[in-house]
Amino acid sequence: MLPKQVKMMALCVFALVAVFVLAPGLVQAANVEGRITAISLAHGTVTISPGAGHAVTVKVARSTQIELNGRETALSALRVGDHGDADYNATTHVASGIDATR
């Protein structure tokens, strides 16, 4: 290879490594706390309405940790009217955790 091509290839490799190393830091973490106003088992979603502001619907993934009154549980155990606190990705709306109390 020519020196110019080697430099270009090294730059491309560096750029790819930077994307994979820095990308997790680009995830926008968000939180919503309020009353659970809707649950869809079919769609795997929970809607939480804070005291002020707009309701947020988060998606429940296999990796989402769900607790009710401090105990690990399934989405089906949550009820509309429970108090909910969800940490989620602001871009994808996938919840990393949902803590609910009754």
N, C-alpha and C. Protein backbone atom coordinates (compact mmCIF):
# COMPACT_ATOMS: atom_id res chain seq x y z
N MET A 1 0.84 -1.18 0.00
CA MET A 1 0.00 0.00 0.00
C MET A 1 0.89 1.25 0.00
N LEU A 2 0.33 2.27 -0.52
CA LEU A 2 1.02 3.55 -0.52
C LEU A 2 0.86 4.22 0.84
N PRO A 3 1.83 5.04 1.24
CA PRO A 3 1.76 5.70 2.54
C PRO A 3 0.46 6.47 2.75
N LYS A 4 -0.06 7.10 1.71
CA LYS A 4 -1.30 7.87 1.85
C LYS A 4 -2.48 6.93 2.15
N GLN A 5 -2.50 5.77 1.53
CA GLN A 5 -3.56 4.80 1.76
C GLN A 5 -3.47 4.23 3.18
N VAL A 6 -2.26 4.01 3.67
CA VAL A 6 -2.07 3.50 5.02
C VAL A 6 -2.59 4.51 6.03
N LYS A 7 -2.29 5.77 5.82
CA LYS A 7 -2.77 6.82 6.72
C LYS A 7 -4.30 6.89 6.71
N MET A 8 -4.90 6.77 5.51
CA MET A 8 -6.35 6.83 5.39
C MET A 8 -6.99 5.64 6.09
N MET A 9 -6.41 4.46 5.94
CA MET A 9 -6.94 3.26 6.58
C MET A 9 -6.82 3.39 8.11
N ALA A 10 -5.71 3.90 8.59
CA ALA A 10 -5.51 4.09 10.03
C ALA A 10 -6.54 5.08 10.57
N LEU A 11 -6.82 6.12 9.84
CA LEU A 11 -7.82 7.12 10.25
C LEU A 11 -9.21 6.49 10.32
N CYS A 12 -9.54 5.64 9.34
CA CYS A 12 -10.84 4.97 9.34
C CYS A 12 -10.97 4.04 10.54
N VAL A 13 -9.93 3.28 10.83
CA VAL A 13 -9.95 2.37 11.97
C VAL A 13 -10.11 3.17 13.26
N PHE A 14 -9.38 4.26 13.39
CA PHE A 14 -9.48 5.11 14.58
C PHE A 14 -10.91 5.64 14.74
N ALA A 15 -11.52 6.07 13.64
CA ALA A 15 -12.88 6.61 13.69
C ALA A 15 -13.88 5.55 14.14
N LEU A 16 -13.73 4.34 13.63
CA LEU A 16 -14.64 3.26 14.02
C LEU A 16 -14.48 2.92 15.50
N VAL A 17 -13.26 2.85 15.96
CA VAL A 17 -13.02 2.56 17.38
C VAL A 17 -13.62 3.67 18.24
N ALA A 18 -13.45 4.90 17.84
CA ALA A 18 -13.99 6.03 18.60
C ALA A 18 -15.51 5.96 18.70
N VAL A 19 -16.16 5.58 17.62
CA VAL A 19 -17.62 5.47 17.62
C VAL A 19 -18.07 4.41 18.61
N PHE A 20 -17.43 3.25 18.59
CA PHE A 20 -17.85 2.18 19.49
C PHE A 20 -17.50 2.45 20.95
N VAL A 21 -16.45 3.18 21.19
CA VAL A 21 -16.05 3.49 22.56
C VAL A 21 -16.88 4.64 23.12
N LEU A 22 -17.14 5.64 22.31
CA LEU A 22 -17.85 6.83 22.79
C LEU A 22 -19.36 6.73 22.68
N ALA A 23 -19.88 5.86 21.82
CA ALA A 23 -21.32 5.78 21.59
C ALA A 23 -22.12 5.53 22.87
N PRO A 24 -21.69 4.61 23.76
CA PRO A 24 -22.49 4.43 24.98
C PRO A 24 -22.64 5.70 25.80
N GLY A 25 -21.68 6.59 25.75
CA GLY A 25 -21.76 7.85 26.48
C GLY A 25 -22.74 8.83 25.86
N LEU A 26 -23.16 8.56 24.63
CA LEU A 26 -24.08 9.45 23.94
C LEU A 26 -25.54 9.14 24.27
N VAL A 27 -25.78 8.05 24.97
CA VAL A 27 -27.13 7.68 25.35
C VAL A 27 -27.67 8.73 26.32
N GLN A 28 -28.84 9.22 26.01
CA GLN A 28 -29.45 10.25 26.84
C GLN A 28 -30.35 9.60 27.89
N ALA A 29 -29.88 9.53 29.11
CA ALA A 29 -30.66 8.95 30.20
C ALA A 29 -31.73 9.94 30.64
N ALA A 30 -32.89 9.40 30.97
CA ALA A 30 -33.99 10.24 31.43
C ALA A 30 -34.75 9.50 32.53
N ASN A 31 -35.59 10.24 33.23
CA ASN A 31 -36.36 9.67 34.32
C ASN A 31 -37.74 10.32 34.33
N VAL A 32 -38.73 9.53 34.66
CA VAL A 32 -40.08 10.06 34.85
C VAL A 32 -40.64 9.41 36.11
N GLU A 33 -41.33 10.23 36.90
CA GLU A 33 -41.93 9.74 38.15
C GLU A 33 -43.34 10.30 38.26
N GLY A 34 -44.28 9.45 38.61
CA GLY A 34 -45.67 9.88 38.75
C GLY A 34 -46.59 8.68 38.83
N ARG A 35 -47.83 8.87 38.41
CA ARG A 35 -48.82 7.79 38.44
C ARG A 35 -48.79 7.02 37.13
N ILE A 36 -48.89 5.69 37.25
CA ILE A 36 -49.02 4.86 36.06
C ILE A 36 -50.44 5.03 35.56
N THR A 37 -50.58 5.51 34.33
CA THR A 37 -51.90 5.80 33.77
C THR A 37 -52.30 4.83 32.67
N ALA A 38 -51.36 4.03 32.18
CA ALA A 38 -51.68 3.03 31.16
C ALA A 38 -50.61 1.95 31.14
N ILE A 39 -51.04 0.73 30.89
CA ILE A 39 -50.14 -0.41 30.75
C ILE A 39 -50.64 -1.23 29.57
N SER A 40 -49.74 -1.57 28.67
CA SER A 40 -50.09 -2.45 27.56
C SER A 40 -49.19 -3.67 27.60
N LEU A 41 -49.77 -4.79 27.99
CA LEU A 41 -49.00 -6.04 28.00
C LEU A 41 -48.70 -6.47 26.56
N ALA A 42 -49.63 -6.21 25.65
CA ALA A 42 -49.46 -6.59 24.25
C ALA A 42 -48.30 -5.86 23.59
N HIS A 43 -48.15 -4.58 23.94
CA HIS A 43 -47.08 -3.76 23.35
C HIS A 43 -45.86 -3.65 24.25
N GLY A 44 -45.99 -4.10 25.50
CA GLY A 44 -44.87 -4.00 26.44
C GLY A 44 -44.54 -2.57 26.78
N THR A 45 -45.56 -1.79 27.11
CA THR A 45 -45.35 -0.37 27.44
C THR A 45 -46.03 0.00 28.74
N VAL A 46 -45.48 1.03 29.37
CA VAL A 46 -46.04 1.62 30.59
C VAL A 46 -46.05 3.12 30.40
N THR A 47 -47.18 3.76 30.68
CA THR A 47 -47.27 5.21 30.60
C THR A 47 -47.32 5.76 32.01
N ILE A 48 -46.43 6.72 32.27
CA ILE A 48 -46.35 7.38 33.58
C ILE A 48 -46.62 8.86 33.39
N SER A 49 -47.56 9.37 34.19
CA SER A 49 -47.91 10.80 34.14
C SER A 49 -47.38 11.50 35.37
N PRO A 50 -46.40 12.40 35.18
CA PRO A 50 -45.88 13.14 36.34
C PRO A 50 -46.90 14.17 36.80
N GLY A 51 -46.68 14.72 37.98
CA GLY A 51 -47.58 15.75 38.50
C GLY A 51 -47.68 16.94 37.58
N ALA A 52 -46.57 17.32 36.97
CA ALA A 52 -46.54 18.42 36.01
C ALA A 52 -45.80 17.95 34.76
N GLY A 53 -46.28 18.35 33.63
CA GLY A 53 -45.62 17.94 32.39
C GLY A 53 -46.40 16.86 31.68
N HIS A 54 -45.81 16.38 30.59
CA HIS A 54 -46.48 15.41 29.74
C HIS A 54 -46.23 13.98 30.20
N ALA A 55 -47.19 13.12 29.93
CA ALA A 55 -47.05 11.70 30.21
C ALA A 55 -45.95 11.12 29.32
N VAL A 56 -45.26 10.12 29.84
CA VAL A 56 -44.19 9.46 29.10
C VAL A 56 -44.52 7.98 29.01
N THR A 57 -44.44 7.44 27.80
CA THR A 57 -44.63 6.01 27.60
C THR A 57 -43.27 5.38 27.38
N VAL A 58 -42.94 4.42 28.23
CA VAL A 58 -41.66 3.73 28.11
C VAL A 58 -41.91 2.30 27.64
N LYS A 59 -40.92 1.78 26.94
CA LYS A 59 -40.99 0.41 26.43
C LYS A 59 -40.28 -0.52 27.42
N VAL A 60 -40.86 -1.67 27.62
CA VAL A 60 -40.27 -2.67 28.51
C VAL A 60 -39.57 -3.71 27.63
N ALA A 61 -38.27 -3.87 27.86
CA ALA A 61 -37.47 -4.85 27.15
C ALA A 61 -37.20 -6.04 28.08
N ARG A 62 -36.62 -7.09 27.54
CA ARG A 62 -36.26 -8.24 28.39
C ARG A 62 -35.30 -7.83 29.49
N SER A 63 -34.48 -6.82 29.20
CA SER A 63 -33.47 -6.38 30.17
C SER A 63 -34.02 -5.41 31.21
N THR A 64 -35.25 -4.94 31.04
CA THR A 64 -35.84 -3.98 31.98
C THR A 64 -36.09 -4.65 33.33
N GLN A 65 -35.58 -4.02 34.38
CA GLN A 65 -35.80 -4.52 35.74
C GLN A 65 -37.04 -3.84 36.30
N ILE A 66 -38.01 -4.66 36.70
CA ILE A 66 -39.28 -4.14 37.23
C ILE A 66 -39.41 -4.56 38.68
N GLU A 67 -39.73 -3.59 39.53
CA GLU A 67 -39.95 -3.87 40.95
C GLU A 67 -41.29 -3.28 41.38
N LEU A 68 -41.96 -4.02 42.26
CA LEU A 68 -43.18 -3.53 42.88
C LEU A 68 -42.98 -3.65 44.38
N ASN A 69 -43.06 -2.51 45.07
CA ASN A 69 -42.84 -2.45 46.52
C ASN A 69 -41.51 -3.09 46.92
N GLY A 70 -40.49 -2.84 46.10
CA GLY A 70 -39.14 -3.31 46.42
C GLY A 70 -38.83 -4.74 46.02
N ARG A 71 -39.76 -5.42 45.40
CA ARG A 71 -39.53 -6.81 44.99
C ARG A 71 -39.60 -6.95 43.48
N GLU A 72 -38.68 -7.72 42.93
CA GLU A 72 -38.67 -7.95 41.49
C GLU A 72 -39.97 -8.62 41.06
N THR A 73 -40.51 -8.15 39.96
CA THR A 73 -41.79 -8.67 39.49
C THR A 73 -41.87 -8.58 37.97
N ALA A 74 -43.00 -8.96 37.43
CA ALA A 74 -43.25 -8.89 35.99
C ALA A 74 -44.13 -7.68 35.68
N LEU A 75 -44.13 -7.29 34.43
CA LEU A 75 -44.96 -6.17 33.98
C LEU A 75 -46.43 -6.40 34.33
N SER A 76 -46.87 -7.63 34.25
CA SER A 76 -48.29 -7.95 34.51
C SER A 76 -48.72 -7.67 35.95
N ALA A 77 -47.77 -7.51 36.88
CA ALA A 77 -48.10 -7.21 38.27
C ALA A 77 -48.41 -5.75 38.51
N LEU A 78 -47.97 -4.88 37.61
CA LEU A 78 -48.22 -3.44 37.77
C LEU A 78 -49.68 -3.13 37.46
N ARG A 79 -50.18 -2.07 38.08
CA ARG A 79 -51.57 -1.66 37.90
C ARG A 79 -51.65 -0.16 37.62
N VAL A 80 -52.65 0.21 36.83
CA VAL A 80 -52.94 1.63 36.64
C VAL A 80 -53.27 2.20 38.01
N GLY A 81 -52.68 3.34 38.33
CA GLY A 81 -52.86 3.98 39.64
C GLY A 81 -51.67 3.80 40.55
N ASP A 82 -50.82 2.80 40.28
CA ASP A 82 -49.60 2.64 41.05
C ASP A 82 -48.71 3.85 40.84
N HIS A 83 -47.86 4.13 41.82
CA HIS A 83 -46.85 5.17 41.65
C HIS A 83 -45.69 4.53 40.91
N GLY A 84 -45.22 5.18 39.85
CA GLY A 84 -44.14 4.62 39.05
C GLY A 84 -42.96 5.57 38.91
N ASP A 85 -41.79 5.00 38.86
CA ASP A 85 -40.54 5.74 38.68
C ASP A 85 -39.71 4.96 37.66
N ALA A 86 -39.51 5.53 36.48
CA ALA A 86 -38.82 4.80 35.42
C ALA A 86 -37.57 5.54 34.94
N ASP A 87 -36.49 4.81 34.81
CA ASP A 87 -35.27 5.30 34.16
C ASP A 87 -35.30 4.74 32.74
N TYR A 88 -35.05 5.61 31.76
CA TYR A 88 -35.17 5.16 30.37
C TYR A 88 -34.23 5.93 29.46
N ASN A 89 -34.04 5.40 28.26
CA ASN A 89 -33.25 6.05 27.23
C ASN A 89 -34.17 7.07 26.54
N ALA A 90 -33.79 8.33 26.56
CA ALA A 90 -34.63 9.39 26.00
C ALA A 90 -34.79 9.29 24.49
N THR A 91 -33.88 8.60 23.84
CA THR A 91 -33.96 8.45 22.39
C THR A 91 -34.87 7.29 22.00
N THR A 92 -34.68 6.14 22.64
CA THR A 92 -35.44 4.95 22.28
C THR A 92 -36.67 4.72 23.16
N HIS A 93 -36.70 5.36 24.30
CA HIS A 93 -37.75 5.21 25.32
C HIS A 93 -37.78 3.81 25.93
N VAL A 94 -36.70 3.04 25.78
CA VAL A 94 -36.62 1.73 26.41
C VAL A 94 -36.20 1.94 27.87
N ALA A 95 -36.98 1.38 28.78
CA ALA A 95 -36.72 1.53 30.21
C ALA A 95 -35.64 0.56 30.67
N SER A 96 -34.73 1.07 31.47
CA SER A 96 -33.74 0.18 32.09
C SER A 96 -34.30 -0.35 33.41
N GLY A 97 -35.18 0.43 34.03
CA GLY A 97 -35.79 0.00 35.28
C GLY A 97 -37.09 0.74 35.55
N ILE A 98 -38.03 0.03 36.16
CA ILE A 98 -39.29 0.65 36.58
C ILE A 98 -39.52 0.20 38.03
N ASP A 99 -39.64 1.18 38.93
CA ASP A 99 -39.94 0.91 40.33
C ASP A 99 -41.35 1.40 40.59
N ALA A 100 -42.20 0.53 41.08
CA ALA A 100 -43.58 0.91 41.35
C ALA A 100 -43.91 0.62 42.81
N THR A 101 -44.81 1.43 43.35
CA THR A 101 -45.33 1.20 44.69
C THR A 101 -46.86 1.31 44.64
N ARG A 102 -47.45 0.60 45.56
CA ARG A 102 -48.92 0.58 45.60
C ARG A 102 -49.35 1.05 46.96
